[in-house]
């Protein structure tokens, strides 16, 4: 493979990754999309492959290594849903818990709490 072919292949991969990022983020509210794009350079495979199923409401199991974006893949759609409820002006239809995250580790839980606080305060989303 010549150098020009290698460059074209790399450019094609980048364009493909950018397209997947755009497509997977399309269903999120604009403020959530903006927050994600400002916070991350790209989607991880669990996010790119998981979000379409999660957004359809399918039962979804994502298996991947620690730090690969699984929690955000699951949690961000729920947070987006909370913002949609708030934006509708009616508020939640019922009192009580709207989104529950159960962490297997205390340290991971603390990390998720901090990330959620940052998400809520950065850019309004």
PDB file of N, CA and C in Angstrom:
ATOM      1  N   UNK A   1       0.856  -1.177   0.000  1.00  0.00           N
ATOM      2  CA  UNK A   1       0.000   0.000   0.000  1.00  0.00           C
ATOM      3  C   UNK A   1       0.896   1.232   0.000  1.00  0.00           C
ATOM      4  N   UNK A   2       0.651   2.131  -0.931  1.00  0.00           N
ATOM      5  CA  UNK A   2       1.448   3.341  -1.037  1.00  0.00           C
ATOM      6  C   UNK A   2       1.044   4.376  -0.004  1.00  0.00           C
ATOM      7  N   UNK A   3       1.888   5.384   0.161  1.00  0.00           N
ATOM      8  CA  UNK A   3       1.643   6.428   1.151  1.00  0.00           C
ATOM      9  C   UNK A   3       0.319   7.155   0.896  1.00  0.00           C
ATOM     10  N   UNK A   4       0.012   7.446  -0.375  1.00  0.00           N
ATOM     11  CA  UNK A   4      -1.246   8.123  -0.697  1.00  0.00           C
ATOM     12  C   UNK A   4      -2.453   7.274  -0.284  1.00  0.00           C
ATOM     13  N   UNK A   5      -2.354   5.971  -0.498  1.00  0.00           N
ATOM     14  CA  UNK A   5      -3.440   5.066  -0.110  1.00  0.00           C
ATOM     15  C   UNK A   5      -3.604   5.053   1.402  1.00  0.00           C
ATOM     16  N   UNK A   6      -2.485   5.061   2.129  1.00  0.00           N
ATOM     17  CA  UNK A   6      -2.544   5.064   3.594  1.00  0.00           C
ATOM     18  C   UNK A   6      -3.209   6.345   4.103  1.00  0.00           C
ATOM     19  N   UNK A   7      -2.888   7.460   3.494  1.00  0.00           N
ATOM     20  CA  UNK A   7      -3.483   8.738   3.898  1.00  0.00           C
ATOM     21  C   UNK A   7      -4.981   8.728   3.619  1.00  0.00           C
ATOM     22  N   UNK A   8      -5.358   8.254   2.429  1.00  0.00           N
ATOM     23  CA  UNK A   8      -6.778   8.185   2.097  1.00  0.00           C
ATOM     24  C   UNK A   8      -7.529   7.264   3.053  1.00  0.00           C
ATOM     25  N   UNK A   9      -6.901   6.137   3.410  1.00  0.00           N
ATOM     26  CA  UNK A   9      -7.532   5.205   4.343  1.00  0.00           C
ATOM     27  C   UNK A   9      -7.713   5.870   5.704  1.00  0.00           C
ATOM     28  N   UNK A  10      -6.713   6.584   6.188  1.00  0.00           N
ATOM     29  CA  UNK A  10      -6.811   7.274   7.469  1.00  0.00           C
ATOM     30  C   UNK A  10      -7.880   8.359   7.418  1.00  0.00           C
ATOM     31  N   UNK A  11      -7.920   9.128   6.333  1.00  0.00           N
ATOM     32  CA  UNK A  11      -8.938  10.177   6.186  1.00  0.00           C
ATOM     33  C   UNK A  11     -10.334   9.570   6.127  1.00  0.00           C
ATOM     34  N   UNK A  12     -10.438   8.428   5.474  1.00  0.00           N
ATOM     35  CA  UNK A  12     -11.726   7.744   5.384  1.00  0.00           C
ATOM     36  C   UNK A  12     -12.192   7.282   6.760  1.00  0.00           C
ATOM     37  N   UNK A  13     -11.272   6.763   7.560  1.00  0.00           N
ATOM     38  CA  UNK A  13     -11.617   6.338   8.924  1.00  0.00           C
ATOM     39  C   UNK A  13     -12.079   7.524   9.758  1.00  0.00           C
ATOM     40  N   UNK A  14     -11.397   8.637   9.639  1.00  0.00           N
ATOM     41  CA  UNK A  14     -11.776   9.842  10.393  1.00  0.00           C
ATOM     42  C   UNK A  14     -13.159  10.309   9.967  1.00  0.00           C
ATOM     43  N   UNK A  15     -13.402  10.380   8.665  1.00  0.00           N
ATOM     44  CA  UNK A  15     -14.709  10.814   8.166  1.00  0.00           C
ATOM     45  C   UNK A  15     -15.801   9.857   8.622  1.00  0.00           C
ATOM     46  N   UNK A  16     -15.523   8.568   8.606  1.00  0.00           N
ATOM     47  CA  UNK A  16     -16.495   7.572   9.045  1.00  0.00           C
ATOM     48  C   UNK A  16     -16.792   7.727  10.534  1.00  0.00           C
ATOM     49  N   UNK A  17     -15.765   7.965  11.339  1.00  0.00           N
ATOM     50  CA  UNK A  17     -15.956   8.159  12.775  1.00  0.00           C
ATOM     51  C   UNK A  17     -16.767   9.422  13.044  1.00  0.00           C
ATOM     52  N   UNK A  18     -16.494  10.491  12.292  1.00  0.00           N
ATOM     53  CA  UNK A  18     -17.247  11.740  12.475  1.00  0.00           C
ATOM     54  C   UNK A  18     -18.709  11.551  12.084  1.00  0.00           C
ATOM     55  N   UNK A  19     -18.959  10.790  11.033  1.00  0.00           N
ATOM     56  CA  UNK A  19     -20.333  10.521  10.614  1.00  0.00           C
ATOM     57  C   UNK A  19     -21.069   9.718  11.681  1.00  0.00           C
ATOM     58  N   UNK A  20     -20.415   8.674  12.221  1.00  0.00           N
ATOM     59  CA  UNK A  20     -21.043   7.882  13.279  1.00  0.00           C
ATOM     60  C   UNK A  20     -21.336   8.751  14.494  1.00  0.00           C
ATOM     61  N   UNK A  21     -20.418   9.664  14.835  1.00  0.00           N
ATOM     62  CA  UNK A  21     -20.630  10.544  15.974  1.00  0.00           C
ATOM     63  C   UNK A  21     -21.857  11.414  15.738  1.00  0.00           C
ATOM     64  N   UNK A  22     -21.966  11.974  14.550  1.00  0.00           N
ATOM     65  CA  UNK A  22     -23.099  12.822  14.232  1.00  0.00           C
ATOM     66  C   UNK A  22     -24.389  12.022  14.290  1.00  0.00           C
ATOM     67  N   UNK A  23     -24.413  10.856  13.673  1.00  0.00           N
ATOM     68  CA  UNK A  23     -25.618  10.044  13.637  1.00  0.00           C
ATOM     69  C   UNK A  23     -26.044   9.600  15.026  1.00  0.00           C
ATOM     70  N   UNK A  24     -25.116   9.145  15.846  1.00  0.00           N
ATOM     71  CA  UNK A  24     -25.447   8.646  17.177  1.00  0.00           C
ATOM     72  C   UNK A  24     -25.899   9.770  18.100  1.00  0.00           C
ATOM     73  N   UNK A  25     -25.441  10.976  17.863  1.00  0.00           N
ATOM     74  CA  UNK A  25     -25.816  12.112  18.711  1.00  0.00           C
ATOM     75  C   UNK A  25     -27.078  12.829  18.240  1.00  0.00           C
ATOM     76  N   UNK A  26     -27.529  12.543  17.023  1.00  0.00           N
ATOM     77  CA  UNK A  26     -28.667  13.263  16.452  1.00  0.00           C
ATOM     78  C   UNK A  26     -29.923  13.225  17.313  1.00  0.00           C
ATOM     79  N   UNK A  27     -30.171  12.147  18.005  1.00  0.00           N
ATOM     80  CA  UNK A  27     -31.410  11.998  18.777  1.00  0.00           C
ATOM     81  C   UNK A  27     -31.378  12.751  20.108  1.00  0.00           C
ATOM     82  N   UNK A  28     -30.199  13.198  20.529  1.00  0.00           N
ATOM     83  CA  UNK A  28     -30.088  13.939  21.785  1.00  0.00           C
ATOM     84  C   UNK A  28     -30.512  15.390  21.599  1.00  0.00           C
ATOM     85  N   UNK A  29     -30.919  16.017  22.690  1.00  0.00           N
ATOM     86  CA  UNK A  29     -31.224  17.447  22.657  1.00  0.00           C
ATOM     87  C   UNK A  29     -29.992  18.228  22.211  1.00  0.00           C
ATOM     88  N   UNK A  30     -30.164  19.362  21.542  1.00  0.00           N
ATOM     89  CA  UNK A  30     -29.008  20.149  21.092  1.00  0.00           C
ATOM     90  C   UNK A  30     -28.033  20.498  22.220  1.00  0.00           C
ATOM     91  N   UNK A  31     -28.529  20.831  23.400  1.00  0.00           N
ATOM     92  CA  UNK A  31     -27.631  21.187  24.505  1.00  0.00           C
ATOM     93  C   UNK A  31     -26.793  19.988  24.940  1.00  0.00           C
ATOM     94  N   UNK A  32     -27.362  18.801  24.904  1.00  0.00           N
ATOM     95  CA  UNK A  32     -26.624  17.587  25.272  1.00  0.00           C
ATOM     96  C   UNK A  32     -25.581  17.274  24.201  1.00  0.00           C
ATOM     97  N   UNK A  33     -25.961  17.431  22.936  1.00  0.00           N
ATOM     98  CA  UNK A  33     -25.007  17.235  21.839  1.00  0.00           C
ATOM     99  C   UNK A  33     -23.815  18.176  21.982  1.00  0.00           C
ATOM    100  N   UNK A  34     -24.112  19.431  22.267  1.00  0.00           N
ATOM    101  CA  UNK A  34     -23.050  20.432  22.417  1.00  0.00           C
ATOM    102  C   UNK A  34     -22.139  20.072  23.564  1.00  0.00           C
ATOM    103  N   UNK A  35     -22.721  19.700  24.702  1.00  0.00           N
ATOM    104  CA  UNK A  35     -21.895  19.313  25.857  1.00  0.00           C
ATOM    105  C   UNK A  35     -20.988  18.147  25.493  1.00  0.00           C
ATOM    106  N   UNK A  36     -21.531  17.130  24.818  1.00  0.00           N
ATOM    107  CA  UNK A  36     -20.734  15.963  24.480  1.00  0.00           C
ATOM    108  C   UNK A  36     -19.587  16.342  23.563  1.00  0.00           C
ATOM    109  N   UNK A  37     -19.876  17.105  22.538  1.00  0.00           N
ATOM    110  CA  UNK A  37     -18.833  17.474  21.573  1.00  0.00           C
ATOM    111  C   UNK A  37     -17.739  18.338  22.214  1.00  0.00           C
ATOM    112  N   UNK A  38     -18.108  19.163  23.174  1.00  0.00           N
ATOM    113  CA  UNK A  38     -17.112  19.978  23.877  1.00  0.00           C
ATOM    114  C   UNK A  38     -16.287  19.152  24.858  1.00  0.00           C
ATOM    115  N   UNK A  39     -16.887  18.084  25.362  1.00  0.00           N
ATOM    116  CA  UNK A  39     -16.240  17.281  26.400  1.00  0.00           C
ATOM    117  C   UNK A  39     -15.399  16.132  25.857  1.00  0.00           C
ATOM    118  N   UNK A  40     -15.743  15.621  24.681  1.00  0.00           N
ATOM    119  CA  UNK A  40     -15.087  14.434  24.146  1.00  0.00           C
ATOM    120  C   UNK A  40     -14.730  14.641  22.679  1.00  0.00           C
ATOM    121  N   UNK A  41     -13.623  14.041  22.271  1.00  0.00           N
ATOM    122  CA  UNK A  41     -13.172  14.130  20.879  1.00  0.00           C
ATOM    123  C   UNK A  41     -13.953  13.210  19.958  1.00  0.00           C
ATOM    124  N   UNK A  42     -14.428  12.107  20.483  1.00  0.00           N
ATOM    125  CA  UNK A  42     -15.086  11.114  19.650  1.00  0.00           C
ATOM    126  C   UNK A  42     -15.962  10.208  20.518  1.00  0.00           C
ATOM    127  N   UNK A  43     -16.836   9.476  19.860  1.00  0.00           N
ATOM    128  CA  UNK A  43     -17.618   8.448  20.540  1.00  0.00           C
ATOM    129  C   UNK A  43     -16.742   7.223  20.730  1.00  0.00           C
ATOM    130  N   UNK A  44     -16.999   6.500  21.786  1.00  0.00           N
ATOM    131  CA  UNK A  44     -16.351   5.202  21.935  1.00  0.00           C
ATOM    132  C   UNK A  44     -17.240   4.162  21.244  1.00  0.00           C
ATOM    133  N   UNK A  45     -16.701   2.993  20.912  1.00  0.00           N
ATOM    134  CA  UNK A  45     -17.541   1.966  20.288  1.00  0.00           C
ATOM    135  C   UNK A  45     -18.809   1.626  21.096  1.00  0.00           C
ATOM    136  N   UNK A  46     -18.747   1.517  22.439  1.00  0.00           N
ATOM    137  CA  UNK A  46     -19.995   1.246  23.164  1.00  0.00           C
ATOM    138  C   UNK A  46     -21.053   2.339  22.970  1.00  0.00           C
ATOM    139  N   UNK A  47     -20.612   3.570  22.840  1.00  0.00           N
ATOM    140  CA  UNK A  47     -21.562   4.666  22.628  1.00  0.00           C
ATOM    141  C   UNK A  47     -22.116   4.631  21.208  1.00  0.00           C
ATOM    142  N   UNK A  48     -21.249   4.529  20.227  1.00  0.00           N
ATOM    143  CA  UNK A  48     -21.677   4.532  18.825  1.00  0.00           C
ATOM    144  C   UNK A  48     -22.596   3.358  18.519  1.00  0.00           C
ATOM    145  N   UNK A  49     -22.289   2.197  19.080  1.00  0.00           N
ATOM    146  CA  UNK A  49     -23.093   1.013  18.799  1.00  0.00           C
ATOM    147  C   UNK A  49     -24.276   0.882  19.755  1.00  0.00           C
ATOM    148  N   UNK A  50     -24.136   1.397  20.967  1.00  0.00           N
ATOM    149  CA  UNK A  50     -25.179   1.228  21.976  1.00  0.00           C
ATOM    150  C   UNK A  50     -26.298   2.235  21.905  1.00  0.00           C
ATOM    151  N   UNK A  51     -25.994   3.492  21.567  1.00  0.00           N
ATOM    152  CA  UNK A  51     -27.024   4.528  21.594  1.00  0.00           C
ATOM    153  C   UNK A  51     -28.222   4.257  20.700  1.00  0.00           C
ATOM    154  N   UNK A  52     -28.052   3.789  19.485  1.00  0.00           N
ATOM    155  CA  UNK A  52     -29.261   3.537  18.684  1.00  0.00           C
ATOM    156  C   UNK A  52     -30.235   2.566  19.363  1.00  0.00           C
ATOM    157  N   UNK A  53     -29.724   1.487  19.937  1.00  0.00           N
ATOM    158  CA  UNK A  53     -30.591   0.518  20.623  1.00  0.00           C
ATOM    159  C   UNK A  53     -31.189   1.119  21.893  1.00  0.00           C
ATOM    160  N   UNK A  54     -30.380   1.826  22.659  1.00  0.00           N
ATOM    161  CA  UNK A  54     -30.858   2.464  23.886  1.00  0.00           C
ATOM    162  C   UNK A  54     -31.946   3.479  23.565  1.00  0.00           C
ATOM    163  N   UNK A  55     -31.731   4.274  22.526  1.00  0.00           N
ATOM    164  CA  UNK A  55     -32.694   5.308  22.144  1.00  0.00           C
ATOM    165  C   UNK A  55     -34.007   4.712  21.640  1.00  0.00           C
ATOM    166  N   UNK A  56     -33.955   3.518  21.077  1.00  0.00           N
ATOM    167  CA  UNK A  56     -35.190   2.844  20.644  1.00  0.00           C
ATOM    168  C   UNK A  56     -35.935   2.242  21.828  1.00  0.00           C
ATOM    169  N   UNK A  57     -35.263   2.176  22.992  1.00  0.00           N
ATOM    170  CA  UNK A  57     -35.876   1.568  24.168  1.00  0.00           C
ATOM    171  C   UNK A  57     -35.651   0.068  24.243  1.00  0.00           C
ATOM    172  N   UNK A  58     -34.732  -0.439  23.442  1.00  0.00           N
ATOM    173  CA  UNK A  58     -34.413  -1.867  23.472  1.00  0.00           C
ATOM    174  C   UNK A  58     -33.647  -2.196  24.742  1.00  0.00           C
ATOM    175  N   UNK A  59     -33.858  -3.392  25.273  1.00  0.00           N
ATOM    176  CA  UNK A  59     -33.015  -3.883  26.357  1.00  0.00           C
ATOM    177  C   UNK A  59     -31.622  -4.035  25.760  1.00  0.00           C
ATOM    178  N   UNK A  60     -30.631  -3.429  26.385  1.00  0.00           N
ATOM    179  CA  UNK A  60     -29.307  -3.360  25.779  1.00  0.00           C
ATOM    180  C   UNK A  60     -28.238  -3.771  26.781  1.00  0.00           C
ATOM    181  N   UNK A  61     -27.401  -4.705  26.397  1.00  0.00           N
ATOM    182  CA  UNK A  61     -26.271  -5.133  27.215  1.00  0.00           C
ATOM    183  C   UNK A  61     -25.007  -4.776  26.457  1.00  0.00           C
ATOM    184  N   UNK A  62     -24.132  -4.001  27.097  1.00  0.00           N
ATOM    185  CA  UNK A  62     -22.877  -3.575  26.474  1.00  0.00           C
ATOM    186  C   UNK A  62     -21.726  -4.181  27.266  1.00  0.00           C
ATOM    187  N   UNK A  63     -20.916  -4.955  26.606  1.00  0.00           N
ATOM    188  CA  UNK A  63     -19.742  -5.562  27.234  1.00  0.00           C
ATOM    189  C   UNK A  63     -18.503  -4.932  26.629  1.00  0.00           C
ATOM    190  N   UNK A  64     -17.703  -4.290  27.475  1.00  0.00           N
ATOM    191  CA  UNK A  64     -16.449  -3.698  27.005  1.00  0.00           C
ATOM    192  C   UNK A  64     -15.595  -3.389  28.228  1.00  0.00           C
ATOM    193  N   UNK A  65     -14.321  -3.109  28.020  1.00  0.00           N
ATOM    194  CA  UNK A  65     -13.411  -2.883  29.146  1.00  0.00           C
ATOM    195  C   UNK A  65     -13.763  -1.633  29.960  1.00  0.00           C
ATOM    196  N   UNK A  66     -13.237  -1.585  31.170  1.00  0.00           N
ATOM    197  CA  UNK A  66     -13.380  -0.426  32.032  1.00  0.00           C
ATOM    198  C   UNK A  66     -12.836   0.812  31.322  1.00  0.00           C
ATOM    199  N   UNK A  67     -13.545   1.916  31.462  1.00  0.00           N
ATOM    200  CA  UNK A  67     -13.093   3.169  30.871  1.00  0.00           C
ATOM    201  C   UNK A  67     -13.447   3.326  29.404  1.00  0.00           C
ATOM    202  N   UNK A  68     -14.324   2.481  28.881  1.00  0.00           N
ATOM    203  CA  UNK A  68     -14.633   2.530  27.452  1.00  0.00           C
ATOM    204  C   UNK A  68     -15.904   3.306  27.135  1.00  0.00           C
ATOM    205  N   UNK A  69     -16.541   3.887  28.146  1.00  0.00           N
ATOM    206  CA  UNK A  69     -17.703   4.733  27.897  1.00  0.00           C
ATOM    207  C   UNK A  69     -19.051   4.054  28.050  1.00  0.00           C
ATOM    208  N   UNK A  70     -19.079   2.862  28.672  1.00  0.00           N
ATOM    209  CA  UNK A  70     -20.343   2.137  28.838  1.00  0.00           C
ATOM    210  C   UNK A  70     -21.333   2.913  29.697  1.00  0.00           C
ATOM    211  N   UNK A  71     -20.863   3.422  30.834  1.00  0.00           N
ATOM    212  CA  UNK A  71     -21.772   4.103  31.752  1.00  0.00           C
ATOM    213  C   UNK A  71     -22.374   5.335  31.092  1.00  0.00           C
ATOM    214  N   UNK A  72     -21.555   6.127  30.427  1.00  0.00           N
ATOM    215  CA  UNK A  72     -22.067   7.308  29.748  1.00  0.00           C
ATOM    216  C   UNK A  72     -23.034   6.907  28.634  1.00  0.00           C
ATOM    217  N   UNK A  73     -22.754   5.797  27.964  1.00  0.00           N
ATOM    218  CA  UNK A  73     -23.654   5.323  26.912  1.00  0.00           C
ATOM    219  C   UNK A  73     -25.052   5.079  27.474  1.00  0.00           C
ATOM    220  N   UNK A  74     -25.131   4.510  28.652  1.00  0.00           N
ATOM    221  CA  UNK A  74     -26.435   4.226  29.256  1.00  0.00           C
ATOM    222  C   UNK A  74     -27.033   5.456  29.929  1.00  0.00           C
ATOM    223  N   UNK A  75     -26.214   6.185  30.648  1.00  0.00           N
ATOM    224  CA  UNK A  75     -26.686   7.250  31.525  1.00  0.00           C
ATOM    225  C   UNK A  75     -27.075   8.519  30.768  1.00  0.00           C
ATOM    226  N   UNK A  76     -26.379   8.855  29.706  1.00  0.00           N
ATOM    227  CA  UNK A  76     -26.623  10.124  29.024  1.00  0.00           C
ATOM    228  C   UNK A  76     -28.017  10.177  28.408  1.00  0.00           C
ATOM    229  N   UNK A  77     -28.509   9.057  27.899  1.00  0.00           N
ATOM    230  CA  UNK A  77     -29.856   9.053  27.325  1.00  0.00           C
ATOM    231  C   UNK A  77     -30.892   9.311  28.414  1.00  0.00           C
ATOM    232  N   UNK A  78     -30.670   8.773  29.606  1.00  0.00           N
ATOM    233  CA  UNK A  78     -31.570   9.032  30.728  1.00  0.00           C
ATOM    234  C   UNK A  78     -31.549  10.490  31.148  1.00  0.00           C
ATOM    235  N   UNK A  79     -30.367  11.077  31.181  1.00  0.00           N
ATOM    236  CA  UNK A  79     -30.246  12.500  31.522  1.00  0.00           C
ATOM    237  C   UNK A  79     -30.928  13.350  30.451  1.00  0.00           C
ATOM    238  N   UNK A  80     -30.743  12.985  29.199  1.00  0.00           N
ATOM    239  CA  UNK A  80     -31.416  13.678  28.104  1.00  0.00           C
ATOM    240  C   UNK A  80     -32.939  13.626  28.311  1.00  0.00           C
ATOM    241  N   UNK A  81     -33.442  12.485  28.719  1.00  0.00           N
ATOM    242  CA  UNK A  81     -34.871  12.339  28.971  1.00  0.00           C
ATOM    243  C   UNK A  81     -35.365  13.239  30.091  1.00  0.00           C
ATOM    244  N   UNK A  82     -34.547  13.391  31.139  1.00  0.00           N
ATOM    245  CA  UNK A  82     -34.920  14.296  32.232  1.00  0.00           C
ATOM    246  C   UNK A  82     -35.010  15.732  31.735  1.00  0.00           C
ATOM    247  N   UNK A  83     -34.060  16.131  30.909  1.00  0.00           N
ATOM    248  CA  UNK A  83     -34.102  17.483  30.346  1.00  0.00           C
ATOM    249  C   UNK A  83     -35.326  17.670  29.446  1.00  0.00           C
ATOM    250  N   UNK A  84     -35.705  16.633  28.729  1.00  0.00           N
ATOM    251  CA  UNK A  84     -36.911  16.717  27.891  1.00  0.00           C
ATOM    252  C   UNK A  84     -38.151  16.931  28.763  1.00  0.00           C
ATOM    253  N   UNK A  85     -38.238  16.204  29.881  1.00  0.00           N
ATOM    254  CA  UNK A  85     -39.365  16.381  30.797  1.00  0.00           C
ATOM    255  C   UNK A  85     -39.399  17.808  31.331  1.00  0.00           C
ATOM    256  N   UNK A  86     -38.239  18.307  31.733  1.00  0.00           N
ATOM    257  CA  UNK A  86     -38.175  19.666  32.282  1.00  0.00           C
ATOM    258  C   UNK A  86     -38.532  20.691  31.219  1.00  0.00           C
ATOM    259  N   UNK A  87     -38.108  20.450  29.988  1.00  0.00           N
ATOM    260  CA  UNK A  87     -38.372  21.381  28.904  1.00  0.00           C
ATOM    261  C   UNK A  87     -39.816  21.403  28.465  1.00  0.00           C
ATOM    262  N   UNK A  88     -40.543  20.337  28.750  1.00  0.00           N
ATOM    263  CA  UNK A  88     -41.951  20.282  28.381  1.00  0.00           C
ATOM    264  C   UNK A  88     -42.786  21.231  29.232  1.00  0.00           C
ATOM    265  N   UNK A  89     -42.207  21.681  30.349  1.00  0.00           N
ATOM    266  CA  UNK A  89     -42.893  22.649  31.196  1.00  0.00           C
ATOM    267  C   UNK A  89     -43.858  22.042  32.190  1.00  0.00           C
ATOM    268  N   UNK A  90     -44.210  20.783  32.004  1.00  0.00           N
ATOM    269  CA  UNK A  90     -45.156  20.147  32.908  1.00  0.00           C
ATOM    270  C   UNK A  90     -44.467  19.556  34.128  1.00  0.00           C
ATOM    271  N   UNK A  91     -43.169  19.319  34.026  1.00  0.00           N
ATOM    272  CA  UNK A  91     -42.464  18.624  35.097  1.00  0.00           C
ATOM    273  C   UNK A  91     -42.803  17.146  35.034  1.00  0.00           C
ATOM    274  N   UNK A  92     -42.246  16.370  35.959  1.00  0.00           N
ATOM    275  CA  UNK A  92     -42.519  14.933  35.953  1.00  0.00           C
ATOM    276  C   UNK A  92     -43.997  14.648  36.220  1.00  0.00           C
ATOM    277  N   UNK A  93     -44.519  13.612  35.584  1.00  0.00           N
ATOM    278  CA  UNK A  93     -45.926  13.263  35.759  1.00  0.00           C
ATOM    279  C   UNK A  93     -46.178  12.623  37.118  1.00  0.00           C
ATOM    280  N   UNK A  94     -45.137  12.085  37.731  1.00  0.00           N
ATOM    281  CA  UNK A  94     -45.261  11.451  39.036  1.00  0.00           C
ATOM    282  C   UNK A  94     -44.114  11.907  39.931  1.00  0.00           C
ATOM    283  N   UNK A  95     -44.340  11.900  41.223  1.00  0.00           N
ATOM    284  CA  UNK A  95     -43.281  12.185  42.185  1.00  0.00           C
ATOM    285  C   UNK A  95     -42.378  10.964  42.279  1.00  0.00           C
ATOM    286  N   UNK A  96     -41.138  11.184  42.679  1.00  0.00           N
ATOM    287  CA  UNK A  96     -40.259  10.049  42.925  1.00  0.00           C
ATOM    288  C   UNK A  96     -39.025  10.065  42.054  1.00  0.00           C
ATOM    289  N   UNK A  97     -38.326   8.968  42.109  1.00  0.00           N
ATOM    290  CA  UNK A  97     -37.066   8.808  41.391  1.00  0.00           C
ATOM    291  C   UNK A  97     -37.344   8.760  39.900  1.00  0.00           C
ATOM    292  N   UNK A  98     -36.596   9.528  39.133  1.00  0.00           N
ATOM    293  CA  UNK A  98     -36.762   9.565  37.681  1.00  0.00           C
ATOM    294  C   UNK A  98     -35.645   8.800  36.967  1.00  0.00           C
ATOM    295  N   UNK A  99     -34.466   8.738  37.598  1.00  0.00           N
ATOM    296  CA  UNK A  99     -33.326   8.057  37.001  1.00  0.00           C
ATOM    297  C   UNK A  99     -32.480   7.498  38.131  1.00  0.00           C
ATOM    298  N   UNK A 100     -32.142   6.231  38.056  1.00  0.00           N
ATOM    299  CA  UNK A 100     -31.385   5.573  39.108  1.00  0.00           C
ATOM    300  C   UNK A 100     -30.126   4.957  38.517  1.00  0.00           C
ATOM    301  N   UNK A 101     -29.002   5.268  39.127  1.00  0.00           N
ATOM    302  CA  UNK A 101     -27.728   4.671  38.730  1.00  0.00           C
ATOM    303  C   UNK A 101     -27.199   3.879  39.909  1.00  0.00           C
ATOM    304  N   UNK A 102     -26.928   2.619  39.706  1.00  0.00           N
ATOM    305  CA  UNK A 102     -26.381   1.762  40.758  1.00  0.00           C
ATOM    306  C   UNK A 102     -24.957   1.419  40.352  1.00  0.00           C
ATOM    307  N   UNK A 103     -24.021   1.829  41.188  1.00  0.00           N
ATOM    308  CA  UNK A 103     -22.611   1.619  40.889  1.00  0.00           C
ATOM    309  C   UNK A 103     -22.070   0.422  41.659  1.00  0.00           C
ATOM    310  N   UNK A 104     -21.253  -0.387  41.007  1.00  0.00           N
ATOM    311  CA  UNK A 104     -20.670  -1.538  41.706  1.00  0.00           C
ATOM    312  C   UNK A 104     -19.524  -1.148  42.645  1.00  0.00           C
ATOM    313  N   UNK A 105     -18.979   0.038  42.482  1.00  0.00           N
ATOM    314  CA  UNK A 105     -17.838   0.472  43.284  1.00  0.00           C
ATOM    315  C   UNK A 105     -18.037   1.893  43.798  1.00  0.00           C
ATOM    316  N   UNK A 106     -17.628   2.141  45.039  1.00  0.00           N
ATOM    317  CA  UNK A 106     -17.774   3.473  45.618  1.00  0.00           C
ATOM    318  C   UNK A 106     -16.975   4.508  44.821  1.00  0.00           C
ATOM    319  N   UNK A 107     -15.754   4.175  44.435  1.00  0.00           N
ATOM    320  CA  UNK A 107     -14.924   5.127  43.687  1.00  0.00           C
ATOM    321  C   UNK A 107     -15.565   5.461  42.344  1.00  0.00           C
ATOM    322  N   UNK A 108     -16.106   4.464  41.667  1.00  0.00           N
ATOM    323  CA  UNK A 108     -16.770   4.710  40.391  1.00  0.00           C
ATOM    324  C   UNK A 108     -18.003   5.577  40.609  1.00  0.00           C
ATOM    325  N   UNK A 109     -18.731   5.319  41.672  1.00  0.00           N
ATOM    326  CA  UNK A 109     -19.904   6.119  42.007  1.00  0.00           C
ATOM    327  C   UNK A 109     -19.519   7.584  42.198  1.00  0.00           C
ATOM    328  N   UNK A 110     -18.457   7.836  42.964  1.00  0.00           N
ATOM    329  CA  UNK A 110     -18.024   9.218  43.194  1.00  0.00           C
ATOM    330  C   UNK A 110     -17.606   9.904  41.904  1.00  0.00           C
ATOM    331  N   UNK A 111     -16.955   9.171  41.021  1.00  0.00           N
ATOM    332  CA  UNK A 111     -16.564   9.716  39.718  1.00  0.00           C
ATOM    333  C   UNK A 111     -17.800  10.096  38.917  1.00  0.00           C
ATOM    334  N   UNK A 112     -18.803   9.223  38.895  1.00  0.00           N
ATOM    335  CA  UNK A 112     -20.020   9.504  38.141  1.00  0.00           C
ATOM    336  C   UNK A 112     -20.765  10.703  38.709  1.00  0.00           C
ATOM    337  N   UNK A 113     -20.789  10.853  40.021  1.00  0.00           N
ATOM    338  CA  UNK A 113     -21.441  12.014  40.628  1.00  0.00           C
ATOM    339  C   UNK A 113     -20.761  13.289  40.162  1.00  0.00           C
ATOM    340  N   UNK A 114     -19.437  13.314  40.181  1.00  0.00           N
ATOM    341  CA  UNK A 114     -18.693  14.506  39.751  1.00  0.00           C
ATOM    342  C   UNK A 114     -18.923  14.781  38.269  1.00  0.00           C
ATOM    343  N   UNK A 115     -18.904  13.744  37.437  1.00  0.00           N
ATOM    344  CA  UNK A 115     -19.140  13.938  36.008  1.00  0.00           C
ATOM    345  C   UNK A 115     -20.547  14.464  35.750  1.00  0.00           C
ATOM    346  N   UNK A 116     -21.509  13.977  36.508  1.00  0.00           N
ATOM    347  CA  UNK A 116     -22.891  14.440  36.338  1.00  0.00           C
ATOM    348  C   UNK A 116     -23.019  15.897  36.745  1.00  0.00           C
ATOM    349  N   UNK A 117     -22.372  16.272  37.826  1.00  0.00           N
ATOM    350  CA  UNK A 117     -22.394  17.688  38.244  1.00  0.00           C
ATOM    351  C   UNK A 117     -21.799  18.570  37.155  1.00  0.00           C
ATOM    352  N   UNK A 118     -20.692  18.129  36.570  1.00  0.00           N
ATOM    353  CA  UNK A 118     -20.064  18.903  35.499  1.00  0.00           C
ATOM    354  C   UNK A 118     -20.987  19.004  34.306  1.00  0.00           C
ATOM    355  N   UNK A 119     -21.650  17.920  33.979  1.00  0.00           N
ATOM    356  CA  UNK A 119     -22.549  17.910  32.822  1.00  0.00           C
ATOM    357  C   UNK A 119     -23.699  18.879  33.036  1.00  0.00           C
ATOM    358  N   UNK A 120     -24.241  18.914  34.232  1.00  0.00           N
ATOM    359  CA  UNK A 120     -25.385  19.774  34.513  1.00  0.00           C
ATOM    360  C   UNK A 120     -24.991  21.249  34.485  1.00  0.00           C
ATOM    361  N   UNK A 121     -23.753  21.555  34.863  1.00  0.00           N
ATOM    362  CA  UNK A 121     -23.353  22.954  34.958  1.00  0.00           C
ATOM    363  C   UNK A 121     -22.664  23.489  33.706  1.00  0.00           C
ATOM    364  N   UNK A 122     -22.119  22.639  32.860  1.00  0.00           N
ATOM    365  CA  UNK A 122     -21.395  23.081  31.678  1.00  0.00           C
ATOM    366  C   UNK A 122     -22.364  23.278  30.529  1.00  0.00           C
ATOM    367  N   UNK A 123     -22.429  24.472  30.017  1.00  0.00           N
ATOM    368  CA  UNK A 123     -23.227  24.757  28.829  1.00  0.00           C
ATOM    369  C   UNK A 123     -24.720  24.589  29.015  1.00  0.00           C
ATOM    370  N   UNK A 124     -25.180  24.547  30.240  1.00  0.00           N
ATOM    371  CA  UNK A 124     -26.601  24.442  30.475  1.00  0.00           C
ATOM    372  C   UNK A 124     -27.163  23.051  30.271  1.00  0.00           C
ATOM    373  N   UNK A 125     -26.301  22.087  30.009  1.00  0.00           N
ATOM    374  CA  UNK A 125     -26.787  20.718  29.834  1.00  0.00           C
ATOM    375  C   UNK A 125     -26.024  19.793  30.727  1.00  0.00           C
TER     376      UNK A 125
END
